[in-house]
PDB file of all heavy atoms in Angstrom:
ATOM      1  N   SER A   1       0.821 -45.321   5.742  1.00  0.00           N
ATOM      2  CA  SER A   1       0.577 -46.540   4.978  1.00  0.00           C
ATOM      3  C   SER A   1       1.081 -47.737   5.650  1.00  0.00           C
ATOM      4  O   SER A   1       0.627 -48.781   5.510  1.00  0.00           O
ATOM      5  CB  SER A   1       1.170 -46.359   3.601  1.00  0.00           C
ATOM      6  OG  SER A   1       2.583 -46.391   3.633  1.00  0.00           O
ATOM      7  N   ASP A   2       2.183 -47.573   6.500  1.00  0.00           N
ATOM      8  CA  ASP A   2       2.772 -48.648   7.130  1.00  0.00           C
ATOM      9  C   ASP A   2       3.215 -48.307   8.598  1.00  0.00           C
ATOM     10  O   ASP A   2       4.320 -48.543   8.935  1.00  0.00           O
ATOM     11  CB  ASP A   2       4.002 -49.195   6.347  1.00  0.00           C
ATOM     12  CG  ASP A   2       4.529 -50.539   6.846  1.00  0.00           C
ATOM     13  OD1 ASP A   2       3.805 -51.210   7.538  1.00  0.00           O
ATOM     14  OD2 ASP A   2       5.723 -50.754   6.627  1.00  0.00           O
ATOM     15  N   GLY A   3       2.257 -47.812   9.349  1.00  0.00           N
ATOM     16  CA  GLY A   3       2.604 -47.373  10.683  1.00  0.00           C
ATOM     17  C   GLY A   3       3.325 -45.962  10.612  1.00  0.00           C
ATOM     18  O   GLY A   3       3.677 -45.490   9.474  1.00  0.00           O
ATOM     19  N   ALA A   4       3.741 -45.448  11.734  1.00  0.00           N
ATOM     20  CA  ALA A   4       4.404 -44.082  11.822  1.00  0.00           C
ATOM     21  C   ALA A   4       5.915 -44.278  12.032  1.00  0.00           C
ATOM     22  O   ALA A   4       6.449 -43.819  12.909  1.00  0.00           O
ATOM     23  CB  ALA A   4       3.779 -43.323  12.846  1.00  0.00           C
ATOM     24  N   GLY A   5       6.475 -45.105  11.187  1.00  0.00           N
ATOM     25  CA  GLY A   5       7.940 -45.457  11.353  1.00  0.00           C
ATOM     26  C   GLY A   5       8.960 -44.360  11.478  1.00  0.00           C
ATOM     27  O   GLY A   5       8.773 -43.463  12.248  1.00  0.00           O
ATOM     28  N   ARG A   6       9.894 -44.402  10.553  1.00  0.00           N
ATOM     29  CA  ARG A   6      11.074 -43.461  10.817  1.00  0.00           C
ATOM     30  C   ARG A   6      10.752 -42.053  10.364  1.00  0.00           C
ATOM     31  O   ARG A   6      10.792 -41.691   9.184  1.00  0.00           O
ATOM     32  CB  ARG A   6      12.334 -44.034  10.016  1.00  0.00           C
ATOM     33  CG  ARG A   6      12.876 -45.229  10.709  1.00  0.00           C
ATOM     34  CD  ARG A   6      14.125 -45.710  10.028  1.00  0.00           C
ATOM     35  NE  ARG A   6      13.893 -46.202   8.736  1.00  0.00           N
ATOM     36  CZ  ARG A   6      14.501 -45.701   7.613  1.00  0.00           C
ATOM     37  NH1 ARG A   6      15.389 -44.741   7.670  1.00  0.00           N
ATOM     38  NH2 ARG A   6      14.214 -46.311   6.400  1.00  0.00           N
ATOM     39  N   GLN A   7      10.397 -41.230  11.349  1.00  0.00           N
ATOM     40  CA  GLN A   7      10.191 -39.837  11.088  1.00  0.00           C
ATOM     41  C   GLN A   7      10.813 -38.970  12.168  1.00  0.00           C
ATOM     42  O   GLN A   7      11.049 -39.507  13.244  1.00  0.00           O
ATOM     43  CB  GLN A   7       8.657 -39.482  10.907  1.00  0.00           C
ATOM     44  CG  GLN A   7       7.852 -40.086  12.067  1.00  0.00           C
ATOM     45  CD  GLN A   7       6.417 -39.557  12.127  1.00  0.00           C
ATOM     46  OE1 GLN A   7       6.173 -38.306  11.926  1.00  0.00           O
ATOM     47  NE2 GLN A   7       5.475 -40.464  12.251  1.00  0.00           N
ATOM     48  N   ALA A   8      11.124 -37.730  11.890  1.00  0.00           N
ATOM     49  CA  ALA A   8      11.721 -36.831  12.869  1.00  0.00           C
ATOM     50  C   ALA A   8      11.085 -35.508  12.673  1.00  0.00           C
ATOM     51  O   ALA A   8      10.624 -35.174  11.617  1.00  0.00           O
ATOM     52  CB  ALA A   8      13.225 -36.843  12.731  1.00  0.00           C
ATOM     53  N   MET A   9      11.198 -34.612  13.682  1.00  0.00           N
ATOM     54  CA  MET A   9      10.713 -33.248  13.596  1.00  0.00           C
ATOM     55  C   MET A   9      11.720 -32.297  14.331  1.00  0.00           C
ATOM     56  O   MET A   9      12.275 -32.611  15.346  1.00  0.00           O
ATOM     57  CB  MET A   9       9.349 -33.095  14.299  1.00  0.00           C
ATOM     58  CG  MET A   9       8.669 -31.769  14.085  1.00  0.00           C
ATOM     59  SD  MET A   9       6.925 -31.831  14.483  1.00  0.00           S
ATOM     60  CE  MET A   9       6.568 -30.040  14.157  1.00  0.00           C
ATOM     61  N   VAL A  10      11.988 -31.216  13.650  1.00  0.00           N
ATOM     62  CA  VAL A  10      12.931 -30.149  14.114  1.00  0.00           C
ATOM     63  C   VAL A  10      12.040 -28.862  14.301  1.00  0.00           C
ATOM     64  O   VAL A  10      11.357 -28.437  13.394  1.00  0.00           O
ATOM     65  CB  VAL A  10      14.028 -29.902  13.194  1.00  0.00           C
ATOM     66  CG1 VAL A  10      14.840 -28.746  13.635  1.00  0.00           C
ATOM     67  CG2 VAL A  10      14.978 -31.151  13.147  1.00  0.00           C
ATOM     68  N   PHE A  11      12.105 -28.253  15.484  1.00  0.00           N
ATOM     69  CA  PHE A  11      11.270 -27.151  15.860  1.00  0.00           C
ATOM     70  C   PHE A  11      12.038 -25.847  15.674  1.00  0.00           C
ATOM     71  O   PHE A  11      13.245 -25.772  15.521  1.00  0.00           O
ATOM     72  CB  PHE A  11      10.825 -27.260  17.261  1.00  0.00           C
ATOM     73  CG  PHE A  11       9.979 -28.543  17.528  1.00  0.00           C
ATOM     74  CD1 PHE A  11      10.639 -29.689  17.972  1.00  0.00           C
ATOM     75  CD2 PHE A  11       8.614 -28.524  17.270  1.00  0.00           C
ATOM     76  CE1 PHE A  11       9.865 -30.865  18.219  1.00  0.00           C
ATOM     77  CE2 PHE A  11       7.845 -29.730  17.624  1.00  0.00           C
ATOM     78  CZ  PHE A  11       8.526 -30.826  18.040  1.00  0.00           C
ATOM     79  N   GLN A  12      11.355 -24.738  15.655  1.00  0.00           N
ATOM     80  CA  GLN A  12      11.868 -23.424  15.556  1.00  0.00           C
ATOM     81  C   GLN A  12      12.915 -23.163  16.644  1.00  0.00           C
ATOM     82  O   GLN A  12      13.942 -22.599  16.386  1.00  0.00           O
ATOM     83  CB  GLN A  12      10.804 -22.381  15.612  1.00  0.00           C
ATOM     84  CG  GLN A  12      11.359 -20.947  15.471  1.00  0.00           C
ATOM     85  CD  GLN A  12      10.184 -19.968  15.430  1.00  0.00           C
ATOM     86  OE1 GLN A  12       9.005 -20.324  15.168  1.00  0.00           O
ATOM     87  NE2 GLN A  12      10.453 -18.684  15.711  1.00  0.00           N
ATOM     88  N   ARG A  13      12.565 -23.613  17.903  1.00  0.00           N
ATOM     89  CA  ARG A  13      13.429 -23.494  19.017  1.00  0.00           C
ATOM     90  C   ARG A  13      13.742 -24.826  19.640  1.00  0.00           C
ATOM     91  O   ARG A  13      13.003 -25.324  20.468  1.00  0.00           O
ATOM     92  CB  ARG A  13      12.884 -22.515  20.116  1.00  0.00           C
ATOM     93  CG  ARG A  13      12.704 -21.135  19.593  1.00  0.00           C
ATOM     94  CD  ARG A  13      12.133 -20.181  20.677  1.00  0.00           C
ATOM     95  NE  ARG A  13      11.967 -18.916  20.245  1.00  0.00           N
ATOM     96  CZ  ARG A  13      11.047 -18.361  19.512  1.00  0.00           C
ATOM     97  NH1 ARG A  13       9.966 -19.272  19.205  1.00  0.00           N
ATOM     98  NH2 ARG A  13      10.898 -17.173  19.111  1.00  0.00           N
ATOM     99  N   PRO A  14      14.796 -25.519  19.121  1.00  0.00           N
ATOM    100  CA  PRO A  14      15.016 -26.890  19.593  1.00  0.00           C
ATOM    101  C   PRO A  14      15.448 -26.931  21.039  1.00  0.00           C
ATOM    102  O   PRO A  14      16.051 -26.017  21.559  1.00  0.00           O
ATOM    103  CB  PRO A  14      16.129 -27.357  18.682  1.00  0.00           C
ATOM    104  CG  PRO A  14      16.874 -26.112  18.315  1.00  0.00           C
ATOM    105  CD  PRO A  14      15.831 -25.078  18.139  1.00  0.00           C
ATOM    106  N   VAL A  15      15.075 -28.016  21.705  1.00  0.00           N
ATOM    107  CA  VAL A  15      15.522 -28.274  23.050  1.00  0.00           C
ATOM    108  C   VAL A  15      16.905 -28.924  23.094  1.00  0.00           C
ATOM    109  O   VAL A  15      17.070 -29.923  22.525  1.00  0.00           O
ATOM    110  CB  VAL A  15      14.469 -29.169  23.771  1.00  0.00           C
ATOM    111  CG1 VAL A  15      14.970 -29.493  25.272  1.00  0.00           C
ATOM    112  CG2 VAL A  15      13.143 -28.488  23.833  1.00  0.00           C
ATOM    113  N   MET A  16      17.810 -28.366  23.909  1.00  0.00           N
ATOM    114  CA  MET A  16      19.083 -28.851  23.983  1.00  0.00           C
ATOM    115  C   MET A  16      19.343 -29.504  25.462  1.00  0.00           C
ATOM    116  O   MET A  16      18.964 -28.896  26.425  1.00  0.00           O
ATOM    117  CB  MET A  16      20.118 -27.838  23.794  1.00  0.00           C
ATOM    118  CG  MET A  16      20.175 -27.130  22.467  1.00  0.00           C
ATOM    119  SD  MET A  16      20.875 -28.281  21.122  1.00  0.00           S
ATOM    120  CE  MET A  16      19.395 -28.613  20.194  1.00  0.00           C
ATOM    121  N   LEU A  17      19.790 -30.670  25.444  1.00  0.00           N
ATOM    122  CA  LEU A  17      20.100 -31.356  26.748  1.00  0.00           C
ATOM    123  C   LEU A  17      21.336 -30.747  27.406  1.00  0.00           C
ATOM    124  O   LEU A  17      22.192 -30.167  26.708  1.00  0.00           O
ATOM    125  CB  LEU A  17      20.333 -32.843  26.497  1.00  0.00           C
ATOM    126  CG  LEU A  17      19.170 -33.664  25.908  1.00  0.00           C
ATOM    127  CD1 LEU A  17      19.576 -35.053  25.684  1.00  0.00           C
ATOM    128  CD2 LEU A  17      17.884 -33.524  26.740  1.00  0.00           C
ATOM    129  N   ARG A  18      21.492 -30.832  28.699  1.00  0.00           N
ATOM    130  CA  ARG A  18      22.549 -30.263  29.447  1.00  0.00           C
ATOM    131  C   ARG A  18      23.782 -31.152  29.227  1.00  0.00           C
ATOM    132  O   ARG A  18      24.275 -31.859  30.248  1.00  0.00           O
ATOM    133  CB  ARG A  18      22.244 -30.063  30.886  1.00  0.00           C
ATOM    134  CG  ARG A  18      21.237 -28.983  31.132  1.00  0.00           C
ATOM    135  CD  ARG A  18      20.961 -28.809  32.599  1.00  0.00           C
ATOM    136  NE  ARG A  18      20.008 -27.719  32.943  1.00  0.00           N
ATOM    137  CZ  ARG A  18      20.339 -26.401  33.003  1.00  0.00           C
ATOM    138  NH1 ARG A  18      21.565 -26.054  32.807  1.00  0.00           N
ATOM    139  NH2 ARG A  18      19.343 -25.578  33.219  1.00  0.00           N
ATOM    140  N   ARG A  19      24.267 -31.299  28.024  1.00  0.00           N
ATOM    141  CA  ARG A  19      25.498 -32.178  27.780  1.00  0.00           C
ATOM    142  C   ARG A  19      26.069 -31.634  26.438  1.00  0.00           C
ATOM    143  O   ARG A  19      25.622 -30.721  25.888  1.00  0.00           O
ATOM    144  CB  ARG A  19      25.021 -33.621  27.732  1.00  0.00           C
ATOM    145  CG  ARG A  19      23.886 -33.886  26.661  1.00  0.00           C
ATOM    146  CD  ARG A  19      23.434 -35.307  26.908  1.00  0.00           C
ATOM    147  NE  ARG A  19      22.567 -35.466  28.083  1.00  0.00           N
ATOM    148  CZ  ARG A  19      22.052 -36.582  28.513  1.00  0.00           C
ATOM    149  NH1 ARG A  19      22.353 -37.657  27.791  1.00  0.00           N
ATOM    150  NH2 ARG A  19      21.351 -36.650  29.657  1.00  0.00           N
ATOM    151  N   SER A  20      27.159 -32.278  26.022  1.00  0.00           N
ATOM    152  CA  SER A  20      27.876 -31.786  24.859  1.00  0.00           C
ATOM    153  C   SER A  20      27.001 -32.036  23.509  1.00  0.00           C
ATOM    154  O   SER A  20      26.033 -32.795  23.496  1.00  0.00           O
ATOM    155  CB  SER A  20      29.124 -32.595  24.701  1.00  0.00           C
ATOM    156  OG  SER A  20      28.914 -33.939  24.345  1.00  0.00           O
ATOM    157  N   ALA A  21      27.407 -31.360  22.549  1.00  0.00           N
ATOM    158  CA  ALA A  21      26.775 -31.556  21.259  1.00  0.00           C
ATOM    159  C   ALA A  21      26.783 -33.034  20.830  1.00  0.00           C
ATOM    160  O   ALA A  21      25.751 -33.546  20.450  1.00  0.00           O
ATOM    161  CB  ALA A  21      27.543 -30.717  20.174  1.00  0.00           C
ATOM    162  N   LEU A  22      27.858 -33.671  20.998  1.00  0.00           N
ATOM    163  CA  LEU A  22      28.062 -35.064  20.626  1.00  0.00           C
ATOM    164  C   LEU A  22      27.041 -35.864  21.483  1.00  0.00           C
ATOM    165  O   LEU A  22      26.396 -36.815  20.933  1.00  0.00           O
ATOM    166  CB  LEU A  22      29.440 -35.585  20.797  1.00  0.00           C
ATOM    167  CG  LEU A  22      29.706 -37.107  20.528  1.00  0.00           C
ATOM    168  CD1 LEU A  22      29.495 -37.282  19.057  1.00  0.00           C
ATOM    169  CD2 LEU A  22      31.112 -37.374  20.911  1.00  0.00           C
ATOM    170  N   ALA A  23      27.063 -35.711  22.703  1.00  0.00           N
ATOM    171  CA  ALA A  23      26.174 -36.473  23.664  1.00  0.00           C
ATOM    172  C   ALA A  23      24.708 -36.238  23.370  1.00  0.00           C
ATOM    173  O   ALA A  23      23.894 -37.099  23.559  1.00  0.00           O
ATOM    174  CB  ALA A  23      26.503 -36.081  25.140  1.00  0.00           C
ATOM    175  N   ASN A  24      24.323 -34.970  22.879  1.00  0.00           N
ATOM    176  CA  ASN A  24      22.934 -34.694  22.456  1.00  0.00           C
ATOM    177  C   ASN A  24      22.537 -35.624  21.320  1.00  0.00           C
ATOM    178  O   ASN A  24      21.421 -36.252  21.429  1.00  0.00           O
ATOM    179  CB  ASN A  24      22.817 -33.234  22.018  1.00  0.00           C
ATOM    180  CG  ASN A  24      22.263 -32.407  23.139  1.00  0.00           C
ATOM    181  OD1 ASN A  24      21.118 -32.161  23.203  1.00  0.00           O
ATOM    182  ND2 ASN A  24      23.166 -31.902  24.053  1.00  0.00           N
ATOM    183  N   VAL A  25      23.357 -35.818  20.307  1.00  0.00           N
ATOM    184  CA  VAL A  25      23.130 -36.683  19.260  1.00  0.00           C
ATOM    185  C   VAL A  25      23.046 -38.197  19.698  1.00  0.00           C
ATOM    186  O   VAL A  25      22.211 -38.936  19.329  1.00  0.00           O
ATOM    187  CB  VAL A  25      24.039 -36.382  18.073  1.00  0.00           C
ATOM    188  CG1 VAL A  25      23.622 -37.285  16.908  1.00  0.00           C
ATOM    189  CG2 VAL A  25      23.962 -34.907  17.660  1.00  0.00           C
ATOM    190  N   ALA A  26      24.110 -38.486  20.401  1.00  0.00           N
ATOM    191  CA  ALA A  26      24.254 -39.865  20.888  1.00  0.00           C
ATOM    192  C   ALA A  26      23.109 -40.293  21.689  1.00  0.00           C
ATOM    193  O   ALA A  26      22.601 -41.513  21.571  1.00  0.00           O
ATOM    194  CB  ALA A  26      25.487 -40.105  21.609  1.00  0.00           C
ATOM    195  N   TYR A  27      22.545 -39.451  22.515  1.00  0.00           N
ATOM    196  CA  TYR A  27      21.393 -39.746  23.253  1.00  0.00           C
ATOM    197  C   TYR A  27      20.213 -40.150  22.401  1.00  0.00           C
ATOM    198  O   TYR A  27      19.536 -41.118  22.717  1.00  0.00           O
ATOM    199  CB  TYR A  27      21.019 -38.592  24.217  1.00  0.00           C
ATOM    200  CG  TYR A  27      19.745 -38.733  25.007  1.00  0.00           C
ATOM    201  CD1 TYR A  27      19.818 -39.362  26.255  1.00  0.00           C
ATOM    202  CD2 TYR A  27      18.483 -38.394  24.582  1.00  0.00           C
ATOM    203  CE1 TYR A  27      18.687 -39.665  27.053  1.00  0.00           C
ATOM    204  CE2 TYR A  27      17.282 -38.624  25.374  1.00  0.00           C
ATOM    205  CZ  TYR A  27      17.444 -39.202  26.546  1.00  0.00           C
ATOM    206  OH  TYR A  27      16.338 -39.400  27.314  1.00  0.00           O
ATOM    207  N   ALA A  28      19.911 -39.331  21.370  1.00  0.00           N
ATOM    208  CA  ALA A  28      18.811 -39.655  20.402  1.00  0.00           C
ATOM    209  C   ALA A  28      19.083 -40.949  19.740  1.00  0.00           C
ATOM    210  O   ALA A  28      18.114 -41.795  19.498  1.00  0.00           O
ATOM    211  CB  ALA A  28      18.734 -38.519  19.450  1.00  0.00           C
ATOM    212  N   VAL A  29      20.321 -41.251  19.366  1.00  0.00           N
ATOM    213  CA  VAL A  29      20.631 -42.585  18.656  1.00  0.00           C
ATOM    214  C   VAL A  29      20.406 -43.717  19.576  1.00  0.00           C
ATOM    215  O   VAL A  29      19.773 -44.741  19.182  1.00  0.00           O
ATOM    216  CB  VAL A  29      22.118 -42.562  18.166  1.00  0.00           C
ATOM    217  CG1 VAL A  29      22.483 -43.982  17.634  1.00  0.00           C
ATOM    218  CG2 VAL A  29      22.248 -41.400  17.155  1.00  0.00           C
ATOM    219  N   ASP A  30      20.860 -43.568  20.838  1.00  0.00           N
ATOM    220  CA  ASP A  30      20.675 -44.650  21.831  1.00  0.00           C
ATOM    221  C   ASP A  30      19.163 -44.858  22.150  1.00  0.00           C
ATOM    222  O   ASP A  30      18.744 -45.973  22.216  1.00  0.00           O
ATOM    223  CB  ASP A  30      21.433 -44.267  23.149  1.00  0.00           C
ATOM    224  CG  ASP A  30      21.417 -45.451  24.153  1.00  0.00           C
ATOM    225  OD1 ASP A  30      21.852 -46.485  23.859  1.00  0.00           O
ATOM    226  OD2 ASP A  30      20.953 -45.167  25.233  1.00  0.00           O
ATOM    227  N   ALA A  31      18.370 -43.737  22.271  1.00  0.00           N
ATOM    228  CA  ALA A  31      17.023 -43.859  22.654  1.00  0.00           C
ATOM    229  C   ALA A  31      16.212 -44.572  21.457  1.00  0.00           C
ATOM    230  O   ALA A  31      15.204 -45.255  21.698  1.00  0.00           O
ATOM    231  CB  ALA A  31      16.408 -42.462  22.846  1.00  0.00           C
ATOM    232  N   ALA A  32      16.773 -44.465  20.216  1.00  0.00           N
ATOM    233  CA  ALA A  32      16.170 -45.139  19.119  1.00  0.00           C
ATOM    234  C   ALA A  32      16.534 -46.606  18.999  1.00  0.00           C
ATOM    235  O   ALA A  32      16.093 -47.272  18.139  1.00  0.00           O
ATOM    236  CB  ALA A  32      16.508 -44.465  17.834  1.00  0.00           C
ATOM    237  N   GLY A  33      17.437 -47.014  19.875  1.00  0.00           N
ATOM    238  CA  GLY A  33      17.850 -48.448  19.908  1.00  0.00           C
ATOM    239  C   GLY A  33      18.761 -48.797  18.754  1.00  0.00           C
ATOM    240  O   GLY A  33      19.030 -49.959  18.490  1.00  0.00           O
TER     241      GLY A  33
END
């Protein structure tokens, strides 16, 4: 109705970056601006 704004998807086998748990989340937050 108003663009494809704030949505997220979690998969059966999530991809983990080669960094700490905290840095994985922080990366997503930073990427979202």
